[in-house]
Every structure is written in C-alpha cells, then in structure tokens.
Amino acid sequence: MQDDTWRDHLANERTHLAWLRTGAAVLVVGLAVMRFADDGEVSVGSLVAALPLMICGLAAVMYGTHRYRRAYRRLTSGDPRPPGTLGPSVAAVVLVLAFAATAVMLAVLG
C-alpha cells in the first residue's frame, strides 16, 4: 500500500472513532437526563425527555459506522470520491433539535 493510501485509511479510522465518541457522549447525556431529570427517579417523563438524545446517540454510532465502511470500500477499490458532507450537516441539525426537544420536555417536567 502506498503512503497516501495508508494515510487515508488512518484518517477514515480517526473519523469513525470521532463518530463513535460523539454518539456515546450524546447517549450518556441522554441516560443522565433520564436518571436525574425527575428528582433522581426514573419516570415515564424523564424517559420521554431523554429519548431524543438516546436515539440521536445511537443514530450517530450507526451512521458513523456506515460512513466508515462506505469510505473503506471506496479506498480499497481506488474510488477517489470523498464520502460527502450532507450526512454530517444533517447530523448536526438533528443533534441540535434533539437537545432542544429534551430541553422543552424538561421544562414541561419541571
């Protein structure tokens, strides 16, 4: 393998790990909201408030893995096209909306 190809594979792996870290962090925030939103008790309200964040975290892990595999296939086949920027842009908007939805639900709970 050429040095450029190795560098591209390592960059792809770093990007995948960043998606995994971000997804795990959002999921953990969702779990913390679920646990501490309703006076330290897990209730239906705290679960509903945490659900957008937990779903968003899981979706980030799944999308990051999909993006990694797609980029890996392109790199190994010699296809020079980058994965694209629409997915990360949509993910950023969805993350902001998930945090906003959680904040609104917490305001309604409290």
N, C-alpha and C. Protein backbone atom coordinates (compact mmCIF):
# COMPACT_ATOMS: atom_id res chain seq x y z
N MET A 1 0.83 -1.18 0.00
CA MET A 1 0.00 0.00 0.00
C MET A 1 0.88 1.24 0.00
N GLN A 2 0.47 2.25 -0.72
CA GLN A 2 1.23 3.49 -0.77
C GLN A 2 0.99 4.30 0.51
N ASP A 3 1.92 5.22 0.75
CA ASP A 3 1.81 6.06 1.94
C ASP A 3 0.51 6.86 1.96
N ASP A 4 0.09 7.36 0.80
CA ASP A 4 -1.15 8.13 0.73
C ASP A 4 -2.35 7.27 1.09
N THR A 5 -2.34 6.04 0.64
CA THR A 5 -3.45 5.14 0.95
C THR A 5 -3.50 4.83 2.44
N TRP A 6 -2.34 4.59 3.03
CA TRP A 6 -2.30 4.36 4.48
C TRP A 6 -2.83 5.57 5.23
N ARG A 7 -2.39 6.74 4.82
CA ARG A 7 -2.83 7.97 5.48
C ARG A 7 -4.35 8.13 5.37
N ASP A 8 -4.90 7.82 4.20
CA ASP A 8 -6.35 7.93 4.01
C ASP A 8 -7.10 6.92 4.87
N HIS A 9 -6.58 5.70 4.97
CA HIS A 9 -7.23 4.69 5.81
C HIS A 9 -7.19 5.11 7.28
N LEU A 10 -6.06 5.63 7.72
CA LEU A 10 -5.95 6.07 9.12
C LEU A 10 -6.87 7.27 9.40
N ALA A 11 -6.98 8.17 8.45
CA ALA A 11 -7.89 9.30 8.61
C ALA A 11 -9.34 8.83 8.67
N ASN A 12 -9.67 7.84 7.85
CA ASN A 12 -11.01 7.26 7.88
C ASN A 12 -11.29 6.63 9.24
N GLU A 13 -10.32 5.93 9.78
CA GLU A 13 -10.48 5.30 11.09
C GLU A 13 -10.64 6.36 12.19
N ARG A 14 -9.85 7.42 12.14
CA ARG A 14 -9.98 8.50 13.14
C ARG A 14 -11.36 9.15 13.07
N THR A 15 -11.87 9.34 11.86
CA THR A 15 -13.20 9.92 11.70
C THR A 15 -14.25 8.99 12.29
N HIS A 16 -14.10 7.70 12.04
CA HIS A 16 -15.04 6.71 12.60
C HIS A 16 -15.01 6.76 14.13
N LEU A 17 -13.83 6.81 14.70
CA LEU A 17 -13.73 6.87 16.15
C LEU A 17 -14.35 8.15 16.71
N ALA A 18 -14.24 9.25 15.98
CA ALA A 18 -14.87 10.51 16.42
C ALA A 18 -16.39 10.37 16.41
N TRP A 19 -16.93 9.72 15.39
CA TRP A 19 -18.38 9.48 15.37
C TRP A 19 -18.80 8.61 16.56
N LEU A 20 -18.00 7.57 16.85
CA LEU A 20 -18.34 6.69 17.98
C LEU A 20 -18.29 7.45 19.30
N ARG A 21 -17.25 8.26 19.50
CA ARG A 21 -17.14 9.05 20.74
C ARG A 21 -18.30 10.03 20.88
N THR A 22 -18.63 10.69 19.80
CA THR A 22 -19.73 11.66 19.85
C THR A 22 -21.05 10.97 20.15
N GLY A 23 -21.30 9.88 19.46
CA GLY A 23 -22.54 9.13 19.70
C GLY A 23 -22.63 8.62 21.12
N ALA A 24 -21.53 8.10 21.64
CA ALA A 24 -21.52 7.60 23.02
C ALA A 24 -21.74 8.74 24.01
N ALA A 25 -21.15 9.90 23.76
CA ALA A 25 -21.32 11.04 24.67
C ALA A 25 -22.77 11.51 24.69
N VAL A 26 -23.39 11.59 23.53
CA VAL A 26 -24.79 12.02 23.46
C VAL A 26 -25.69 10.99 24.15
N LEU A 27 -25.40 9.72 23.96
CA LEU A 27 -26.16 8.67 24.62
C LEU A 27 -26.02 8.77 26.13
N VAL A 28 -24.83 9.03 26.62
CA VAL A 28 -24.61 9.15 28.06
C VAL A 28 -25.35 10.37 28.63
N VAL A 29 -25.36 11.46 27.88
CA VAL A 29 -26.13 12.63 28.32
C VAL A 29 -27.62 12.26 28.41
N GLY A 30 -28.10 11.52 27.44
CA GLY A 30 -29.49 11.06 27.49
C GLY A 30 -29.76 10.19 28.71
N LEU A 31 -28.84 9.30 29.02
CA LEU A 31 -29.01 8.45 30.20
C LEU A 31 -28.98 9.28 31.49
N ALA A 32 -28.14 10.30 31.53
CA ALA A 32 -28.08 11.17 32.71
C ALA A 32 -29.38 11.96 32.86
N VAL A 33 -29.92 12.44 31.75
CA VAL A 33 -31.21 13.14 31.81
C VAL A 33 -32.28 12.20 32.32
N MET A 34 -32.28 10.98 31.83
CA MET A 34 -33.28 10.00 32.27
C MET A 34 -33.18 9.75 33.77
N ARG A 35 -31.97 9.68 34.27
CA ARG A 35 -31.77 9.35 35.68
C ARG A 35 -32.02 10.53 36.61
N PHE A 36 -31.63 11.73 36.21
CA PHE A 36 -31.66 12.86 37.13
C PHE A 36 -32.72 13.91 36.83
N ALA A 37 -33.51 13.75 35.78
CA ALA A 37 -34.46 14.78 35.38
C ALA A 37 -35.62 14.92 36.36
N ASP A 38 -36.07 13.86 36.92
CA ASP A 38 -37.28 13.88 37.75
C ASP A 38 -36.92 13.58 39.21
N ASP A 39 -36.16 14.48 39.81
CA ASP A 39 -35.73 14.35 41.22
C ASP A 39 -35.00 13.03 41.50
N GLY A 40 -34.18 12.60 40.57
CA GLY A 40 -33.37 11.40 40.77
C GLY A 40 -34.12 10.10 40.57
N GLU A 41 -35.35 10.17 40.13
CA GLU A 41 -36.14 8.97 39.88
C GLU A 41 -36.35 8.80 38.38
N VAL A 42 -36.26 7.58 37.91
CA VAL A 42 -36.56 7.30 36.51
C VAL A 42 -38.07 7.17 36.40
N SER A 43 -38.65 8.06 35.60
CA SER A 43 -40.10 8.04 35.40
C SER A 43 -40.39 8.04 33.91
N VAL A 44 -41.65 7.93 33.59
CA VAL A 44 -42.04 7.98 32.18
C VAL A 44 -41.65 9.33 31.59
N GLY A 45 -41.84 10.40 32.34
CA GLY A 45 -41.49 11.73 31.86
C GLY A 45 -40.01 11.89 31.60
N SER A 46 -39.18 11.39 32.53
CA SER A 46 -37.74 11.52 32.32
C SER A 46 -37.26 10.64 31.18
N LEU A 47 -37.90 9.50 31.00
CA LEU A 47 -37.56 8.63 29.87
C LEU A 47 -37.92 9.29 28.55
N VAL A 48 -39.10 9.91 28.49
CA VAL A 48 -39.52 10.59 27.27
C VAL A 48 -38.61 11.77 26.98
N ALA A 49 -38.19 12.49 28.03
CA ALA A 49 -37.29 13.63 27.83
C ALA A 49 -35.92 13.18 27.32
N ALA A 50 -35.46 12.03 27.77
CA ALA A 50 -34.13 11.53 27.38
C ALA A 50 -34.12 10.81 26.04
N LEU A 51 -35.28 10.36 25.60
CA LEU A 51 -35.36 9.54 24.40
C LEU A 51 -34.76 10.20 23.15
N PRO A 52 -35.01 11.49 22.87
CA PRO A 52 -34.40 12.07 21.66
C PRO A 52 -32.87 12.01 21.68
N LEU A 53 -32.27 12.23 22.83
CA LEU A 53 -30.81 12.17 22.91
C LEU A 53 -30.30 10.75 22.75
N MET A 54 -30.97 9.80 23.37
CA MET A 54 -30.52 8.41 23.27
C MET A 54 -30.65 7.91 21.83
N ILE A 55 -31.74 8.25 21.16
CA ILE A 55 -31.91 7.86 19.77
C ILE A 55 -30.86 8.53 18.89
N CYS A 56 -30.61 9.81 19.15
CA CYS A 56 -29.61 10.56 18.37
C CYS A 56 -28.22 9.96 18.56
N GLY A 57 -27.87 9.58 19.79
CA GLY A 57 -26.57 8.95 20.05
C GLY A 57 -26.41 7.63 19.33
N LEU A 58 -27.44 6.81 19.38
CA LEU A 58 -27.38 5.52 18.67
C LEU A 58 -27.31 5.74 17.15
N ALA A 59 -28.06 6.72 16.66
CA ALA A 59 -28.03 7.01 15.22
C ALA A 59 -26.64 7.49 14.79
N ALA A 60 -25.97 8.26 15.63
CA ALA A 60 -24.62 8.74 15.30
C ALA A 60 -23.64 7.57 15.19
N VAL A 61 -23.75 6.62 16.10
CA VAL A 61 -22.88 5.44 16.05
C VAL A 61 -23.15 4.64 14.78
N MET A 62 -24.43 4.44 14.47
CA MET A 62 -24.77 3.66 13.28
C MET A 62 -24.35 4.39 12.00
N TYR A 63 -24.60 5.70 11.92
CA TYR A 63 -24.21 6.45 10.72
C TYR A 63 -22.69 6.49 10.59
N GLY A 64 -21.99 6.70 11.68
CA GLY A 64 -20.52 6.73 11.63
C GLY A 64 -19.94 5.42 11.13
N THR A 65 -20.53 4.32 11.57
CA THR A 65 -20.07 3.01 11.11
C THR A 65 -20.38 2.82 9.63
N HIS A 66 -21.56 3.23 9.21
CA HIS A 66 -21.93 3.13 7.79
C HIS A 66 -20.98 3.97 6.93
N ARG A 67 -20.71 5.19 7.39
CA ARG A 67 -19.82 6.10 6.65
C ARG A 67 -18.40 5.52 6.58
N TYR A 68 -17.93 4.94 7.68
CA TYR A 68 -16.60 4.32 7.71
C TYR A 68 -16.52 3.19 6.69
N ARG A 69 -17.51 2.32 6.69
CA ARG A 69 -17.49 1.17 5.78
C ARG A 69 -17.56 1.61 4.32
N ARG A 70 -18.39 2.61 4.05
CA ARG A 70 -18.50 3.11 2.68
C ARG A 70 -17.18 3.72 2.21
N ALA A 71 -16.55 4.52 3.08
CA ALA A 71 -15.26 5.13 2.72
C ALA A 71 -14.19 4.05 2.58
N TYR A 72 -14.23 3.02 3.42
CA TYR A 72 -13.25 1.93 3.33
C TYR A 72 -13.37 1.22 1.98
N ARG A 73 -14.62 0.94 1.58
CA ARG A 73 -14.82 0.28 0.28
C ARG A 73 -14.31 1.15 -0.85
N ARG A 74 -14.57 2.44 -0.77
CA ARG A 74 -14.08 3.34 -1.82
C ARG A 74 -12.55 3.40 -1.84
N LEU A 75 -11.94 3.44 -0.67
CA LEU A 75 -10.48 3.50 -0.62
C LEU A 75 -9.85 2.22 -1.18
N THR A 76 -10.42 1.08 -0.84
CA THR A 76 -9.83 -0.18 -1.29
C THR A 76 -10.09 -0.43 -2.77
N SER A 77 -11.15 0.16 -3.31
CA SER A 77 -11.42 -0.04 -4.74
C SER A 77 -10.75 1.01 -5.61
N GLY A 78 -10.14 2.02 -4.99
CA GLY A 78 -9.46 3.06 -5.76
C GLY A 78 -10.38 4.19 -6.18
N ASP A 79 -11.60 4.23 -5.67
CA ASP A 79 -12.54 5.31 -6.00
C ASP A 79 -12.14 6.55 -5.21
N PRO A 80 -11.77 7.64 -5.88
CA PRO A 80 -11.23 8.80 -5.18
C PRO A 80 -12.29 9.73 -4.57
N ARG A 81 -13.58 9.47 -4.78
CA ARG A 81 -14.60 10.39 -4.28
C ARG A 81 -14.67 10.38 -2.75
N PRO A 82 -14.76 11.55 -2.12
CA PRO A 82 -14.93 11.60 -0.67
C PRO A 82 -16.37 11.23 -0.30
N PRO A 83 -16.60 10.88 0.97
CA PRO A 83 -17.93 10.43 1.38
C PRO A 83 -19.02 11.49 1.23
N GLY A 84 -18.71 12.77 1.27
CA GLY A 84 -19.73 13.80 1.15
C GLY A 84 -19.95 14.52 2.47
N THR A 85 -20.62 15.65 2.40
CA THR A 85 -20.82 16.47 3.59
C THR A 85 -22.28 16.58 4.01
N LEU A 86 -23.20 16.05 3.25
CA LEU A 86 -24.61 16.16 3.61
C LEU A 86 -24.91 15.42 4.92
N GLY A 87 -24.38 14.22 5.08
CA GLY A 87 -24.65 13.43 6.30
C GLY A 87 -24.24 14.15 7.57
N PRO A 88 -23.01 14.62 7.67
CA PRO A 88 -22.62 15.34 8.89
C PRO A 88 -23.42 16.62 9.11
N SER A 89 -23.81 17.30 8.06
CA SER A 89 -24.63 18.51 8.21
C SER A 89 -26.00 18.17 8.77
N VAL A 90 -26.60 17.13 8.24
CA VAL A 90 -27.90 16.68 8.75
C VAL A 90 -27.76 16.22 10.20
N ALA A 91 -26.68 15.51 10.51
CA ALA A 91 -26.46 15.03 11.87
C ALA A 91 -26.34 16.19 12.85
N ALA A 92 -25.69 17.27 12.46
CA ALA A 92 -25.57 18.43 13.33
C ALA A 92 -26.93 19.05 13.61
N VAL A 93 -27.76 19.17 12.59
CA VAL A 93 -29.10 19.73 12.78
C VAL A 93 -29.94 18.83 13.68
N VAL A 94 -29.87 17.52 13.45
CA VAL A 94 -30.64 16.57 14.26
C VAL A 94 -30.18 16.63 15.72
N LEU A 95 -28.89 16.76 15.94
CA LEU A 95 -28.38 16.83 17.31
C LEU A 95 -28.90 18.08 18.02
N VAL A 96 -28.88 19.21 17.34
CA VAL A 96 -29.40 20.45 17.94
C VAL A 96 -30.89 20.30 18.24
N LEU A 97 -31.64 19.71 17.31
CA LEU A 97 -33.07 19.50 17.54
C LEU A 97 -33.33 18.55 18.69
N ALA A 98 -32.50 17.52 18.83
CA ALA A 98 -32.67 16.58 19.94
C ALA A 98 -32.43 17.27 21.28
N PHE A 99 -31.39 18.10 21.35
CA PHE A 99 -31.14 18.84 22.59
C PHE A 99 -32.28 19.83 22.87
N ALA A 100 -32.80 20.48 21.83
CA ALA A 100 -33.91 21.42 22.01
C ALA A 100 -35.16 20.68 22.49
N ALA A 101 -35.45 19.54 21.90
CA ALA A 101 -36.62 18.76 22.31
C ALA A 101 -36.48 18.31 23.76
N THR A 102 -35.29 17.89 24.13
CA THR A 102 -35.06 17.47 25.51
C THR A 102 -35.23 18.64 26.47
N ALA A 103 -34.71 19.81 26.09
CA ALA A 103 -34.84 20.99 26.95
C ALA A 103 -36.31 21.37 27.14
N VAL A 104 -37.10 21.31 26.05
CA VAL A 104 -38.52 21.64 26.15
C VAL A 104 -39.23 20.63 27.06
N MET A 105 -38.93 19.35 26.89
CA MET A 105 -39.58 18.33 27.71
C MET A 105 -39.18 18.46 29.18
N LEU A 106 -37.93 18.83 29.44
CA LEU A 106 -37.50 19.04 30.82
C LEU A 106 -38.21 20.26 31.43
N ALA A 107 -38.42 21.30 30.63
CA ALA A 107 -39.15 22.48 31.11
C ALA A 107 -40.59 22.12 31.45
N VAL A 108 -41.19 21.25 30.66
CA VAL A 108 -42.55 20.81 30.93
C VAL A 108 -42.58 19.94 32.20
N LEU A 109 -41.58 19.09 32.38
CA LEU A 109 -41.50 18.25 33.58
C LEU A 109 -41.33 19.07 34.85
N GLY A 110 -40.48 20.10 34.77
CA GLY A 110 -40.12 20.86 35.96
C GLY A 110 -41.09 21.91 36.25
